[in-house]
């Protein structure tokens, strides 16, 4: 019975979203480049690696995201105006040049500031 409780607790901990790799807020940073890919856009900048995805080169937004155009417009404004943006990363994504990047969660958080 004790072993079953331990197994159940470990399963619950492993499935908790806040403990999974890839979740967290990026650092505030000015985008330095936007690269469009087959899957969406790579936003290059010093956003850090909040989810432990393996690369701090930038973040990726998939073009299937319902808020893709809004995010793209916000990032373009930040790039042109030298403004800082911050994203919420919900998962890791390995799809651009074999970099394991943070995947932007389109419904939760994107912000722009001076």
C-alpha atoms as a PDB file:
ATOM      1  CA  UNK A   1       0.000   0.000   0.000  1.00  0.00           C
ATOM      2  CA  UNK A   2       2.841   2.380   0.849  1.00  0.00           C
ATOM      3  CA  UNK A   3       4.486   1.650  -2.504  1.00  0.00           C
ATOM      4  CA  UNK A   4       1.214   2.447  -4.335  1.00  0.00           C
ATOM      5  CA  UNK A   5       0.967   5.817  -2.554  1.00  0.00           C
ATOM      6  CA  UNK A   6       4.508   6.687  -3.575  1.00  0.00           C
ATOM      7  CA  UNK A   7       3.798   5.748  -7.200  1.00  0.00           C
ATOM      8  CA  UNK A   8       0.607   7.859  -7.245  1.00  0.00           C
ATOM      9  CA  UNK A   9       2.430  10.853  -5.747  1.00  0.00           C
ATOM     10  CA  UNK A  10       5.237  10.566  -8.288  1.00  0.00           C
ATOM     11  CA  UNK A  11       2.736  10.395 -11.152  1.00  0.00           C
ATOM     12  CA  UNK A  12       0.917  13.480  -9.869  1.00  0.00           C
ATOM     13  CA  UNK A  13       4.160  15.416  -9.483  1.00  0.00           C
ATOM     14  CA  UNK A  14       5.311  14.448 -12.954  1.00  0.00           C
ATOM     15  CA  UNK A  15       2.072  15.633 -14.516  1.00  0.00           C
ATOM     16  CA  UNK A  16       1.875  18.982 -12.674  1.00  0.00           C
ATOM     17  CA  UNK A  17       2.152  21.762 -15.301  1.00  0.00           C
ATOM     18  CA  UNK A  18       4.195  24.083 -13.092  1.00  0.00           C
ATOM     19  CA  UNK A  19       6.859  21.417 -12.671  1.00  0.00           C
ATOM     20  CA  UNK A  20       7.199  20.401 -16.292  1.00  0.00           C
ATOM     21  CA  UNK A  21      10.187  21.547 -18.304  1.00  0.00           C
ATOM     22  CA  UNK A  22       9.390  24.369 -20.633  1.00  0.00           C
ATOM     23  CA  UNK A  23       7.037  26.460 -18.490  1.00  0.00           C
ATOM     24  CA  UNK A  24       7.806  29.989 -17.324  1.00  0.00           C
ATOM     25  CA  UNK A  25       8.086  33.663 -18.210  1.00  0.00           C
ATOM     26  CA  UNK A  26      10.948  34.898 -20.339  1.00  0.00           C
ATOM     27  CA  UNK A  27      13.152  37.796 -19.344  1.00  0.00           C
ATOM     28  CA  UNK A  28      12.185  41.192 -20.718  1.00  0.00           C
ATOM     29  CA  UNK A  29      14.253  41.817 -23.856  1.00  0.00           C
ATOM     30  CA  UNK A  30      14.265  43.762 -27.102  1.00  0.00           C
ATOM     31  CA  UNK A  31      13.922  41.415 -30.082  1.00  0.00           C
ATOM     32  CA  UNK A  32      17.019  41.575 -32.265  1.00  0.00           C
ATOM     33  CA  UNK A  33      15.722  39.567 -35.222  1.00  0.00           C
ATOM     34  CA  UNK A  34      12.619  37.808 -36.510  1.00  0.00           C
ATOM     35  CA  UNK A  35      13.101  34.705 -38.638  1.00  0.00           C
ATOM     36  CA  UNK A  36      10.086  33.212 -40.383  1.00  0.00           C
ATOM     37  CA  UNK A  37      10.149  29.437 -40.622  1.00  0.00           C
ATOM     38  CA  UNK A  38       7.888  26.777 -42.090  1.00  0.00           C
ATOM     39  CA  UNK A  39       6.359  26.350 -38.629  1.00  0.00           C
ATOM     40  CA  UNK A  40       5.990  29.998 -37.635  1.00  0.00           C
ATOM     41  CA  UNK A  41       8.464  32.609 -36.478  1.00  0.00           C
ATOM     42  CA  UNK A  42      11.585  32.564 -34.405  1.00  0.00           C
ATOM     43  CA  UNK A  43      12.032  35.660 -32.277  1.00  0.00           C
ATOM     44  CA  UNK A  44      15.702  36.149 -31.485  1.00  0.00           C
ATOM     45  CA  UNK A  45      16.659  37.993 -28.312  1.00  0.00           C
ATOM     46  CA  UNK A  46      18.088  37.719 -24.825  1.00  0.00           C
ATOM     47  CA  UNK A  47      14.925  36.148 -23.400  1.00  0.00           C
ATOM     48  CA  UNK A  48      16.814  33.598 -21.334  1.00  0.00           C
ATOM     49  CA  UNK A  49      15.788  29.986 -20.947  1.00  0.00           C
ATOM     50  CA  UNK A  50      12.915  29.986 -18.441  1.00  0.00           C
ATOM     51  CA  UNK A  51      11.786  26.445 -19.127  1.00  0.00           C
ATOM     52  CA  UNK A  52      15.158  24.776 -19.312  1.00  0.00           C
ATOM     53  CA  UNK A  53      14.665  23.995 -22.998  1.00  0.00           C
ATOM     54  CA  UNK A  54      18.369  23.937 -23.779  1.00  0.00           C
ATOM     55  CA  UNK A  55      18.765  27.097 -25.872  1.00  0.00           C
ATOM     56  CA  UNK A  56      18.511  30.765 -24.968  1.00  0.00           C
ATOM     57  CA  UNK A  57      18.811  31.880 -28.604  1.00  0.00           C
ATOM     58  CA  UNK A  58      15.175  32.976 -28.774  1.00  0.00           C
ATOM     59  CA  UNK A  59      11.590  31.763 -28.674  1.00  0.00           C
ATOM     60  CA  UNK A  60       9.286  30.336 -31.320  1.00  0.00           C
ATOM     61  CA  UNK A  61       5.634  31.058 -32.127  1.00  0.00           C
ATOM     62  CA  UNK A  62       3.862  28.456 -34.230  1.00  0.00           C
ATOM     63  CA  UNK A  63       1.881  29.792 -37.176  1.00  0.00           C
ATOM     64  CA  UNK A  64      -1.062  27.615 -36.128  1.00  0.00           C
ATOM     65  CA  UNK A  65      -1.562  29.732 -32.989  1.00  0.00           C
ATOM     66  CA  UNK A  66      -4.844  31.644 -33.109  1.00  0.00           C
ATOM     67  CA  UNK A  67      -3.098  34.820 -31.905  1.00  0.00           C
ATOM     68  CA  UNK A  68      -0.192  34.480 -34.365  1.00  0.00           C
ATOM     69  CA  UNK A  69      -0.905  37.741 -36.243  1.00  0.00           C
ATOM     70  CA  UNK A  70      -1.323  39.716 -32.997  1.00  0.00           C
ATOM     71  CA  UNK A  71       1.938  38.342 -31.607  1.00  0.00           C
ATOM     72  CA  UNK A  72       3.715  39.049 -34.896  1.00  0.00           C
ATOM     73  CA  UNK A  73       2.468  42.648 -34.961  1.00  0.00           C
ATOM     74  CA  UNK A  74       3.481  43.194 -31.330  1.00  0.00           C
ATOM     75  CA  UNK A  75       6.963  41.776 -31.926  1.00  0.00           C
ATOM     76  CA  UNK A  76       7.418  43.840 -35.108  1.00  0.00           C
ATOM     77  CA  UNK A  77       6.442  46.992 -33.199  1.00  0.00           C
ATOM     78  CA  UNK A  78       8.924  46.112 -30.450  1.00  0.00           C
ATOM     79  CA  UNK A  79      11.682  45.423 -32.972  1.00  0.00           C
ATOM     80  CA  UNK A  80      11.128  48.670 -34.843  1.00  0.00           C
ATOM     81  CA  UNK A  81      10.667  50.760 -31.707  1.00  0.00           C
ATOM     82  CA  UNK A  82      13.398  49.186 -29.601  1.00  0.00           C
ATOM     83  CA  UNK A  83      10.836  48.083 -26.995  1.00  0.00           C
ATOM     84  CA  UNK A  84      11.091  45.120 -24.661  1.00  0.00           C
ATOM     85  CA  UNK A  85       8.717  42.170 -24.830  1.00  0.00           C
ATOM     86  CA  UNK A  86       8.078  39.242 -22.543  1.00  0.00           C
ATOM     87  CA  UNK A  87       6.423  35.896 -23.302  1.00  0.00           C
ATOM     88  CA  UNK A  88       5.049  32.948 -21.418  1.00  0.00           C
ATOM     89  CA  UNK A  89       6.740  29.719 -22.510  1.00  0.00           C
ATOM     90  CA  UNK A  90       4.660  26.574 -22.043  1.00  0.00           C
ATOM     91  CA  UNK A  91       6.750  23.918 -23.752  1.00  0.00           C
ATOM     92  CA  UNK A  92      10.000  23.222 -25.562  1.00  0.00           C
ATOM     93  CA  UNK A  93      10.173  23.035 -29.347  1.00  0.00           C
ATOM     94  CA  UNK A  94      12.872  21.429 -31.459  1.00  0.00           C
ATOM     95  CA  UNK A  95      12.111  22.516 -34.975  1.00  0.00           C
ATOM     96  CA  UNK A  96      14.472  25.254 -36.075  1.00  0.00           C
ATOM     97  CA  UNK A  97      18.073  24.384 -36.890  1.00  0.00           C
ATOM     98  CA  UNK A  98      17.977  21.668 -34.209  1.00  0.00           C
ATOM     99  CA  UNK A  99      17.724  24.275 -31.459  1.00  0.00           C
ATOM    100  CA  UNK A 100      15.548  23.296 -28.516  1.00  0.00           C
ATOM    101  CA  UNK A 101      13.657  26.573 -28.067  1.00  0.00           C
ATOM    102  CA  UNK A 102      10.914  27.828 -25.792  1.00  0.00           C
ATOM    103  CA  UNK A 103       7.453  27.650 -27.386  1.00  0.00           C
ATOM    104  CA  UNK A 104       5.301  30.750 -26.790  1.00  0.00           C
ATOM    105  CA  UNK A 105       1.876  30.120 -25.306  1.00  0.00           C
ATOM    106  CA  UNK A 106      -0.393  32.337 -27.425  1.00  0.00           C
ATOM    107  CA  UNK A 107      -3.321  32.646 -25.030  1.00  0.00           C
ATOM    108  CA  UNK A 108      -1.563  33.418 -21.800  1.00  0.00           C
ATOM    109  CA  UNK A 109       0.944  36.181 -22.005  1.00  0.00           C
ATOM    110  CA  UNK A 110       2.746  38.582 -24.286  1.00  0.00           C
ATOM    111  CA  UNK A 111       3.555  42.071 -23.169  1.00  0.00           C
ATOM    112  CA  UNK A 112       5.478  45.074 -24.474  1.00  0.00           C
ATOM    113  CA  UNK A 113       7.108  47.924 -22.539  1.00  0.00           C
ATOM    114  CA  UNK A 114       9.792  50.622 -22.805  1.00  0.00           C
END
